[in-house]
Every structure is written in C-alpha cells, then in structure tokens.
Amino acid sequence: MTHWVLHVDMDQFLVAVELLRRPELVGLPVVVGGRGDPTERAVVSTASYEARAHGVRSGLALKLAKRRCPDAVFLPVDFPVYEAASARVMETLRATPGAVVEVLGWDEAFVGLETDDPLAAARAIQAAVLEATDLHCSVGIGDTLVRAKIATDFGKPQGTFRLTRDNWMEVMGERPTTALWGVGAKIGARLETIGIRTVADLAAADTDALVAAFGPASGAHLGRLGRGGGRDRPDDTPWVARAHGRETTYQADLVTPDEVRAALAKLATRVVDDVRKEGRAVQRVHLKVRFAPFFTFTKVRKLPEPTNDADVIAATAYALYLALDDQRPVRLLGVRGEMVAPEGGY
C-alpha cells in the first residue's frame, strides 16, 4: 500500500457549530466574531459561505463586515462550545484504523494513512466526522503535507481533491506564489522583486538566489514550497506550548499611562494563570500595542531570571510600552509570556 497524507478541514467550522444550535439560520449570512455586536471593536472569526459571497472574511473588522453585508446575523464567539466540537472531531480522526494524526488547529488536521484508495479513505473520514458531530469537512489528498493542505481549498465545501507530484504544475504552476501555504502578500511582493511571480517561477528558481534574498533556511524552504515538497509524514508528537499570551481590543481607547499600566496588569495575571498550568516559568515577555487608529508595534525583553510573578511580568510589559515613547491613544494591548523549554527541549 502507498502512504498518503489527508488534510481534513472543517467547513465554516464556528458557523457550522452555531447552526447546529440555531437551525433557523441555515442559508442566511452569518458572522461569528467578538461579542456579536458589529458596533464594537472586534474582528470576524468565521463567516458563512453566504456572508463570504459579500466579501466578509476572517480578520475583517465587524464594522466593515456589517457594511459589506447589512443583512448578516452576528453571533458572539463561544470558545468552550467550539473546543468541545473540535475534541470530538479529533477523536474521530484518531479512531481511523492506522491513522497518524497531526493537529493543526481546532478545525484542521493532517492524517497519515497507508492505503491503495485514498479517495475512499477520505470519504470514509468525511462520513465518520459527520456521523460523530453532524459537521461537514473537506479533505485534501496529497503525497506531501504541503500538497494535501493546498488541495483542500479545491475541494471546498464538503468535497475532496487530489494534488500530487503528477498534477502539481498543471494545477498550481500558473498561480501566484501567494497561492502557496505560508506565502503571504509581503513574501509574494519580495519574490516579485527578484522576478518570481508564479509557482512555476518559484519551482524553477535558483536556490542560491533564494538563499541570497531570504536567508539559508527561508530561501531553501520557499524553493521546496514551489515544488510542493517537504514532509510526507504527519507527526503525532504531542504539541508542547512555547508561550501563552492574552490580548484585548478596548472599546474605548486607553489614553493615560495609568490606564495602560492597569490593563497590562490584568493581562499579565491571565497569562500567569495559563503559564502555571504548564509548570514552566516565563523567561521572555512580549508586548503588543496597537495605537489609534491602527499602528501596531511589538517588543520583547528577556527577564533577568524566569518567573511566574504577575507583577514582574506586568512591570516588564509596562517598561516596554514606555520605551516606545508614543503618546497616542491605545486601542489594543497584548502580553505574551515565553516559557523556559521543557526538559529535553521541544
């Protein structure tokens, strides 16, 4: 039998979970995000396909989503419900005989299987997930993780698609480099500056030129991406967190240093609550600040010694804020605690 990689991606996951609770909304444009109030500062977590037809996408401000789709139904994010649904999905995937499951997020995972009929295996997984959760998924079939991941988009919604070495260039060759997993607009623009516009261009690019432009690790990785290469086996090693972070978008801007300091103290306390569950201390503090209207900065500082003292973490974050020397109102703050590595490393 041949080894195959299946990428299982839940269709409009958060919306789909909500529709199980609110079947009267099926067929309507539905947006999940924030507290479900499009007048507040928050972004879209997931939009139904009906809302996407109006240009509503994940990460879009709820206010813009409302403008693009005035008739949309807005619902608040309900993390515990989604986490429970995700757990059922992953349990179902792991129950597949012979499967090696690498979880990518709460709504997607790679499944490694030995089979002579990957299409039948994909359809069996779709049926099992539907039976266990009443939720639909799409499955990309590939001979590497990259190809399986990219294939999924061609099968959405509720379908399958196979992308392998044999049809990679036929399907992907003339597409822009941003069609590749992990190549965003910034990297795509940098690639264009050295004459690489399509996946075929990238696949044929000289490795030395890529390394010169992006460095030895990233340059070589981009070359493999262009050819659809990389790992061909999912890894089910349990994921170990490197850090925990919390951030908040404020409905009213923080305008004084005291307001910022108090907000950072609250965030630091929440971060420490998360970190203590890992049994490892924080060794670096990361700060994220978004000034009005939309200027975002990040800074990081290594602590003199690892700690789980929320006051120390909050004070470090505040010192990083002061170092920015920026008096503009603050609309978002984030604190992230990077922990010491576990014994034996990651």
Protein backbone atom coordinates (compact mmCIF):
# COMPACT_ATOMS: atom_id res chain seq x y z
CA MET A 1 0.00 0.00 0.00
CA THR A 2 1.01 3.60 -0.58
CA HIS A 3 1.40 6.25 2.09
CA TRP A 4 -0.95 9.22 1.70
CA VAL A 5 -1.48 12.46 3.54
CA LEU A 6 -5.05 13.66 4.03
CA HIS A 7 -5.72 17.21 5.18
CA VAL A 8 -9.06 17.38 6.97
CA ASP A 9 -10.51 20.89 7.23
CA MET A 10 -13.87 21.59 8.83
CA ASP A 11 -16.18 23.68 6.63
CA GLN A 12 -17.02 27.13 8.11
CA PHE A 13 -16.36 25.50 11.47
CA LEU A 14 -17.53 28.07 14.01
CA VAL A 15 -20.56 28.99 11.94
CA ALA A 16 -21.39 25.32 11.39
CA VAL A 17 -21.33 24.67 15.14
CA GLU A 18 -23.60 27.66 15.69
CA LEU A 19 -26.04 26.45 13.03
CA LEU A 20 -26.46 23.18 14.91
CA ARG A 21 -27.77 25.29 17.80
CA ARG A 22 -29.69 27.69 15.56
CA PRO A 23 -31.01 25.73 12.56
CA GLU A 24 -33.31 28.63 11.67
CA LEU A 25 -30.17 30.49 10.46
CA VAL A 26 -29.22 27.88 7.84
CA GLY A 27 -28.91 29.55 4.44
CA LEU A 28 -28.51 33.04 5.90
CA PRO A 29 -25.35 35.15 6.00
CA VAL A 30 -23.92 34.51 9.48
CA VAL A 31 -20.85 36.12 11.04
CA VAL A 32 -19.19 34.92 14.25
CA GLY A 33 -16.90 37.40 15.98
CA GLY A 34 -16.26 39.30 19.18
CA ARG A 35 -19.36 39.67 21.30
CA GLY A 36 -21.59 39.56 18.25
CA ASP A 37 -22.03 43.33 18.18
CA PRO A 38 -20.90 44.91 14.89
CA THR A 39 -20.80 48.36 16.50
CA GLU A 40 -17.93 47.22 18.76
CA ARG A 41 -14.25 46.84 18.01
CA ALA A 42 -13.74 43.22 17.07
CA VAL A 43 -12.97 41.10 14.02
CA VAL A 44 -14.66 38.28 12.16
CA SER A 45 -13.64 34.83 13.42
CA THR A 46 -15.61 32.93 10.77
CA ALA A 47 -18.26 33.82 8.21
CA SER A 48 -20.77 31.55 6.50
CA TYR A 49 -20.42 30.99 2.77
CA GLU A 50 -23.44 33.24 2.26
CA ALA A 51 -21.63 36.06 4.07
CA ARG A 52 -18.38 35.36 2.23
CA ALA A 53 -20.20 36.00 -1.03
CA HIS A 54 -20.44 39.63 0.14
CA GLY A 55 -16.71 39.88 0.81
CA VAL A 56 -16.81 39.07 4.52
CA ARG A 57 -13.66 37.21 5.58
CA SER A 58 -11.90 36.17 8.77
CA GLY A 59 -9.96 39.03 10.31
CA LEU A 60 -12.21 41.73 8.84
CA ALA A 61 -13.46 44.32 11.31
CA LEU A 62 -17.05 43.63 12.33
CA LYS A 63 -17.99 47.18 11.38
CA LEU A 64 -16.74 46.58 7.83
CA ALA A 65 -18.49 43.21 7.75
CA LYS A 66 -21.76 44.93 8.63
CA ARG A 67 -21.16 47.48 5.90
CA ARG A 68 -20.48 44.80 3.30
CA CYS A 69 -23.35 42.58 4.38
CA PRO A 70 -26.04 44.63 6.17
CA ASP A 71 -28.40 41.65 6.47
CA ALA A 72 -25.86 39.39 8.19
CA VAL A 73 -26.67 37.79 11.54
CA PHE A 74 -23.86 38.47 14.02
CA LEU A 75 -23.15 35.95 16.79
CA PRO A 76 -20.67 36.07 19.69
CA VAL A 77 -17.69 33.74 19.92
CA ASP A 78 -18.33 30.80 22.28
CA PHE A 79 -14.94 29.15 22.81
CA PRO A 80 -15.98 26.27 25.12
CA VAL A 81 -18.56 25.03 22.62
CA TYR A 82 -16.09 25.12 19.73
CA GLU A 83 -13.39 23.40 21.77
CA ALA A 84 -15.77 20.58 22.65
CA ALA A 85 -16.75 20.15 18.99
CA SER A 86 -13.08 20.19 17.98
CA ALA A 87 -12.26 17.49 20.52
CA ARG A 88 -14.96 15.23 19.05
CA VAL A 89 -13.58 15.77 15.54
CA MET A 90 -10.02 14.91 16.55
CA GLU A 91 -11.17 11.85 18.50
CA THR A 92 -12.94 10.65 15.36
CA LEU A 93 -9.84 11.13 13.22
CA ARG A 94 -7.64 9.26 15.71
CA ALA A 95 -10.13 6.40 15.70
CA THR A 96 -9.43 5.82 11.99
CA PRO A 97 -7.53 2.50 11.76
CA GLY A 98 -3.83 3.05 11.12
CA ALA A 99 -4.11 6.86 11.19
CA VAL A 100 -1.34 9.17 12.36
CA VAL A 101 -2.98 12.49 13.21
CA GLU A 102 -1.15 15.82 13.39
CA VAL A 103 -3.45 18.55 14.69
CA LEU A 104 -3.01 21.96 13.08
CA GLY A 105 -5.77 23.80 14.91
CA TRP A 106 -9.18 23.20 16.34
CA ASP A 107 -10.69 22.84 12.86
CA GLU A 108 -7.99 21.08 10.82
CA ALA A 109 -5.53 18.21 10.96
CA PHE A 110 -3.27 16.06 8.81
CA VAL A 111 -4.00 12.35 8.71
CA GLY A 112 -1.33 9.92 7.51
CA LEU A 113 -2.59 6.63 6.13
CA GLU A 114 -1.35 3.58 4.25
CA THR A 115 -3.96 2.83 1.58
CA ASP A 116 -4.39 1.95 -2.07
CA ASP A 117 -7.58 4.02 -2.29
CA PRO A 118 -7.06 7.46 -0.71
CA LEU A 119 -10.31 8.79 -2.15
CA ALA A 120 -12.31 6.07 -0.38
CA ALA A 121 -10.36 6.78 2.81
CA ALA A 122 -11.15 10.50 2.53
CA ARG A 123 -14.83 9.84 2.03
CA ALA A 124 -14.88 7.40 4.95
CA ILE A 125 -13.38 10.11 7.18
CA GLN A 126 -15.96 12.63 6.00
CA ALA A 127 -18.76 10.19 6.80
CA ALA A 128 -17.31 9.35 10.23
CA VAL A 129 -16.90 13.01 11.19
CA LEU A 130 -20.43 13.79 10.02
CA GLU A 131 -21.87 10.89 12.00
CA ALA A 132 -19.97 11.85 15.15
CA THR A 133 -20.52 15.61 15.05
CA ASP A 134 -23.18 16.49 12.43
CA LEU A 135 -20.47 18.67 10.87
CA HIS A 136 -19.09 18.58 7.34
CA CYS A 137 -15.44 18.67 6.32
CA SER A 138 -13.37 18.89 3.17
CA VAL A 139 -10.37 16.62 2.57
CA GLY A 140 -7.26 17.34 0.55
CA ILE A 141 -5.34 14.29 -0.65
CA GLY A 142 -1.61 14.60 -1.26
CA ASP A 143 1.76 12.90 -1.25
CA THR A 144 3.21 15.66 0.97
CA LEU A 145 1.73 17.82 3.71
CA VAL A 146 2.02 20.90 1.52
CA ARG A 147 0.14 19.35 -1.38
CA ALA A 148 -2.58 17.92 0.86
CA LYS A 149 -3.07 21.26 2.61
CA ILE A 150 -3.37 23.20 -0.65
CA ALA A 151 -5.60 20.53 -2.21
CA THR A 152 -8.29 21.10 0.41
CA ASP A 153 -9.23 24.52 -0.95
CA PHE A 154 -10.03 22.97 -4.32
CA GLY A 155 -12.46 20.55 -2.66
CA LYS A 156 -14.40 23.02 -0.52
CA PRO A 157 -17.08 22.76 0.61
CA GLN A 158 -17.75 19.15 1.60
CA GLY A 159 -15.58 17.73 -1.18
CA THR A 160 -12.20 16.16 -1.90
CA PHE A 161 -9.32 16.96 -4.23
CA ARG A 162 -6.07 15.16 -5.01
CA LEU A 163 -2.83 17.08 -5.57
CA THR A 164 0.39 15.13 -6.13
CA ARG A 165 3.71 15.36 -7.90
CA ASP A 166 1.92 14.26 -11.09
CA ASN A 167 -0.54 17.18 -11.32
CA TRP A 168 1.21 19.82 -9.20
CA MET A 169 2.38 22.00 -12.08
CA GLU A 170 -0.81 21.53 -14.06
CA VAL A 171 -2.89 22.78 -11.13
CA MET A 172 -0.54 25.24 -9.45
CA GLY A 173 2.09 26.31 -11.98
CA GLU A 174 0.42 29.47 -13.28
CA ARG A 175 -0.99 30.54 -9.93
CA PRO A 176 0.67 33.38 -7.99
CA THR A 177 3.14 32.44 -5.27
CA THR A 178 0.62 33.67 -2.69
CA ALA A 179 -1.48 30.60 -3.52
CA LEU A 180 1.09 28.56 -1.59
CA TRP A 181 0.66 27.65 2.06
CA GLY A 182 2.63 30.14 4.12
CA VAL A 183 3.36 32.67 1.36
CA GLY A 184 1.57 35.90 2.22
CA ALA A 185 1.38 39.22 0.44
CA LYS A 186 4.69 40.51 1.86
CA ILE A 187 6.72 37.48 0.84
CA GLY A 188 4.93 37.40 -2.51
CA ALA A 189 5.92 41.02 -3.10
CA ARG A 190 9.54 40.29 -2.17
CA LEU A 191 9.58 37.35 -4.57
CA GLU A 192 8.31 39.61 -7.34
CA THR A 193 11.27 41.94 -6.82
CA ILE A 194 13.56 39.10 -7.93
CA GLY A 195 11.34 38.14 -10.86
CA ILE A 196 9.36 35.32 -9.26
CA ARG A 197 5.63 35.75 -9.77
CA THR A 198 4.14 32.29 -10.20
CA VAL A 199 4.50 28.92 -8.53
CA ALA A 200 6.27 27.67 -11.66
CA ASP A 201 8.74 30.56 -11.40
CA LEU A 202 9.45 29.64 -7.80
CA ALA A 203 9.82 25.94 -8.57
CA ALA A 204 12.41 26.76 -11.23
CA ALA A 205 14.21 29.43 -9.21
CA ASP A 206 17.90 29.12 -8.45
CA THR A 207 18.37 28.07 -4.83
CA ASP A 208 21.37 30.36 -4.38
CA ALA A 209 19.27 33.35 -5.47
CA LEU A 210 16.54 32.44 -2.98
CA VAL A 211 19.07 32.00 -0.18
CA ALA A 212 20.66 35.34 -1.01
CA ALA A 213 17.27 37.06 -0.83
CA PHE A 214 15.69 35.23 2.11
CA GLY A 215 18.47 33.52 4.03
CA PRO A 216 19.56 29.86 4.11
CA ALA A 217 16.54 28.44 5.93
CA SER A 218 13.73 30.51 4.41
CA GLY A 219 15.24 30.51 0.93
CA ALA A 220 15.52 26.73 0.79
CA HIS A 221 12.02 26.38 2.27
CA LEU A 222 10.50 28.63 -0.38
CA GLY A 223 12.13 26.58 -3.12
CA ARG A 224 10.60 23.39 -1.70
CA LEU A 225 7.22 25.09 -1.44
CA GLY A 226 7.32 25.96 -5.11
CA ARG A 227 7.78 22.30 -5.92
CA GLY A 228 5.15 21.17 -3.42
CA GLY A 229 7.83 19.35 -1.43
CA GLY A 230 8.58 18.99 2.24
CA ARG A 231 7.43 16.46 4.81
CA ASP A 232 5.42 13.49 3.62
CA ARG A 233 4.58 12.07 7.05
CA PRO A 234 2.37 13.71 9.69
CA ASP A 235 3.86 13.86 13.19
CA ASP A 236 1.58 12.98 16.09
CA THR A 237 4.07 14.01 18.79
CA PRO A 238 2.04 15.90 21.42
CA TRP A 239 2.30 19.64 20.96
CA VAL A 240 4.14 21.49 23.71
CA ALA A 241 3.38 25.19 24.15
CA ARG A 242 6.30 27.60 23.90
CA ALA A 243 4.32 30.57 25.21
CA HIS A 244 0.94 31.80 26.34
CA GLY A 245 -0.48 35.19 25.51
CA ARG A 246 -3.55 37.31 26.07
CA GLU A 247 -4.70 40.42 24.28
CA THR A 248 -7.66 42.75 24.41
CA THR A 249 -9.11 45.28 22.00
CA TYR A 250 -10.60 48.10 24.05
CA GLN A 251 -13.96 49.57 23.14
CA ALA A 252 -12.71 52.95 24.39
CA ASP A 253 -9.09 53.92 23.80
CA LEU A 254 -6.68 53.94 26.74
CA VAL A 255 -5.41 57.49 26.89
CA THR A 256 -3.23 57.70 30.02
CA PRO A 257 -0.17 55.71 31.18
CA ASP A 258 -2.06 54.68 34.32
CA GLU A 259 -4.84 53.15 32.21
CA VAL A 260 -2.24 51.23 30.19
CA ARG A 261 -0.45 50.02 33.32
CA ALA A 262 -3.71 48.76 34.87
CA ALA A 263 -4.69 46.99 31.66
CA LEU A 264 -1.28 45.32 31.40
CA ALA A 265 -1.59 44.10 34.99
CA LYS A 266 -4.87 42.36 34.15
CA LEU A 267 -3.40 40.76 31.05
CA ALA A 268 -0.28 39.61 32.92
CA THR A 269 -2.44 37.93 35.57
CA ARG A 270 -4.32 35.99 32.90
CA VAL A 271 -1.06 34.97 31.21
CA VAL A 272 0.37 33.69 34.50
CA ASP A 273 -2.80 31.68 35.13
CA ASP A 274 -2.22 29.95 31.77
CA VAL A 275 1.53 29.50 32.24
CA ARG A 276 1.26 27.93 35.69
CA LYS A 277 -0.73 25.06 34.18
CA GLU A 278 2.35 24.23 32.09
CA GLY A 279 4.63 24.02 35.14
CA ARG A 280 7.27 26.23 33.49
CA ALA A 281 8.26 29.81 34.21
CA VAL A 282 8.34 32.81 31.88
CA GLN A 283 11.74 33.81 30.55
CA ARG A 284 10.75 36.45 27.97
CA VAL A 285 7.92 38.98 27.94
CA HIS A 286 6.42 40.07 24.64
CA LEU A 287 4.33 43.22 24.35
CA LYS A 288 1.92 44.07 21.55
CA VAL A 289 0.50 47.59 21.29
CA ARG A 290 -1.93 48.92 18.73
CA PHE A 291 -2.16 52.70 18.77
CA ALA A 292 -5.13 54.53 17.28
CA PRO A 293 -6.13 54.43 14.57
CA PHE A 294 -4.25 51.24 13.59
CA PHE A 295 -0.49 51.31 14.21
CA THR A 296 0.82 48.08 15.72
CA PHE A 297 4.18 47.52 17.43
CA THR A 298 5.72 44.57 19.23
CA LYS A 299 8.66 44.47 21.65
CA VAL A 300 10.28 41.70 23.68
CA ARG A 301 12.55 41.58 26.70
CA LYS A 302 14.35 38.70 28.38
CA LEU A 303 13.87 38.61 32.14
CA PRO A 304 16.90 38.53 34.49
CA GLU A 305 15.57 35.19 35.73
CA PRO A 306 12.49 33.10 34.89
CA THR A 307 9.41 33.85 36.95
CA ASN A 308 5.67 33.37 37.28
CA ASP A 309 5.25 36.59 39.22
CA ALA A 310 2.46 38.53 37.50
CA ASP A 311 3.73 41.82 38.94
CA VAL A 312 7.18 41.31 37.38
CA ILE A 313 5.67 40.39 34.02
CA ALA A 314 3.29 43.36 34.11
CA ALA A 315 6.10 45.75 35.09
CA THR A 316 8.27 44.44 32.24
CA ALA A 317 5.44 44.88 29.75
CA TYR A 318 4.86 48.41 31.01
CA ALA A 319 8.56 49.24 30.67
CA LEU A 320 8.41 48.03 27.07
CA TYR A 321 5.41 50.29 26.50
CA LEU A 322 7.23 53.28 27.94
CA ALA A 323 10.24 52.51 25.74
CA LEU A 324 8.05 53.06 22.69
CA ASP A 325 7.74 56.69 23.80
CA ASP A 326 4.44 57.08 21.96
CA GLN A 327 1.64 59.18 23.42
CA ARG A 328 -1.10 58.15 21.00
CA PRO A 329 -4.24 56.51 22.43
CA VAL A 330 -4.06 52.71 22.73
CA ARG A 331 -6.79 50.54 21.23
CA LEU A 332 -5.22 47.08 21.78
CA LEU A 333 -2.74 45.55 24.23
CA GLY A 334 -1.28 42.07 24.30
CA VAL A 335 1.07 40.34 26.73
CA ARG A 336 2.78 37.07 25.89
CA GLY A 337 4.92 35.01 28.23
CA GLU A 338 7.54 32.85 26.54
CA MET A 339 8.41 29.95 28.83
CA VAL A 340 11.65 28.11 29.51
CA ALA A 341 11.97 24.99 27.39
CA PRO A 342 10.82 21.69 28.90
CA GLU A 343 13.43 19.16 29.99
CA GLY A 344 14.84 17.60 26.85
CA GLY A 345 13.76 20.54 24.68
CA TYR A 346 10.88 20.85 22.26
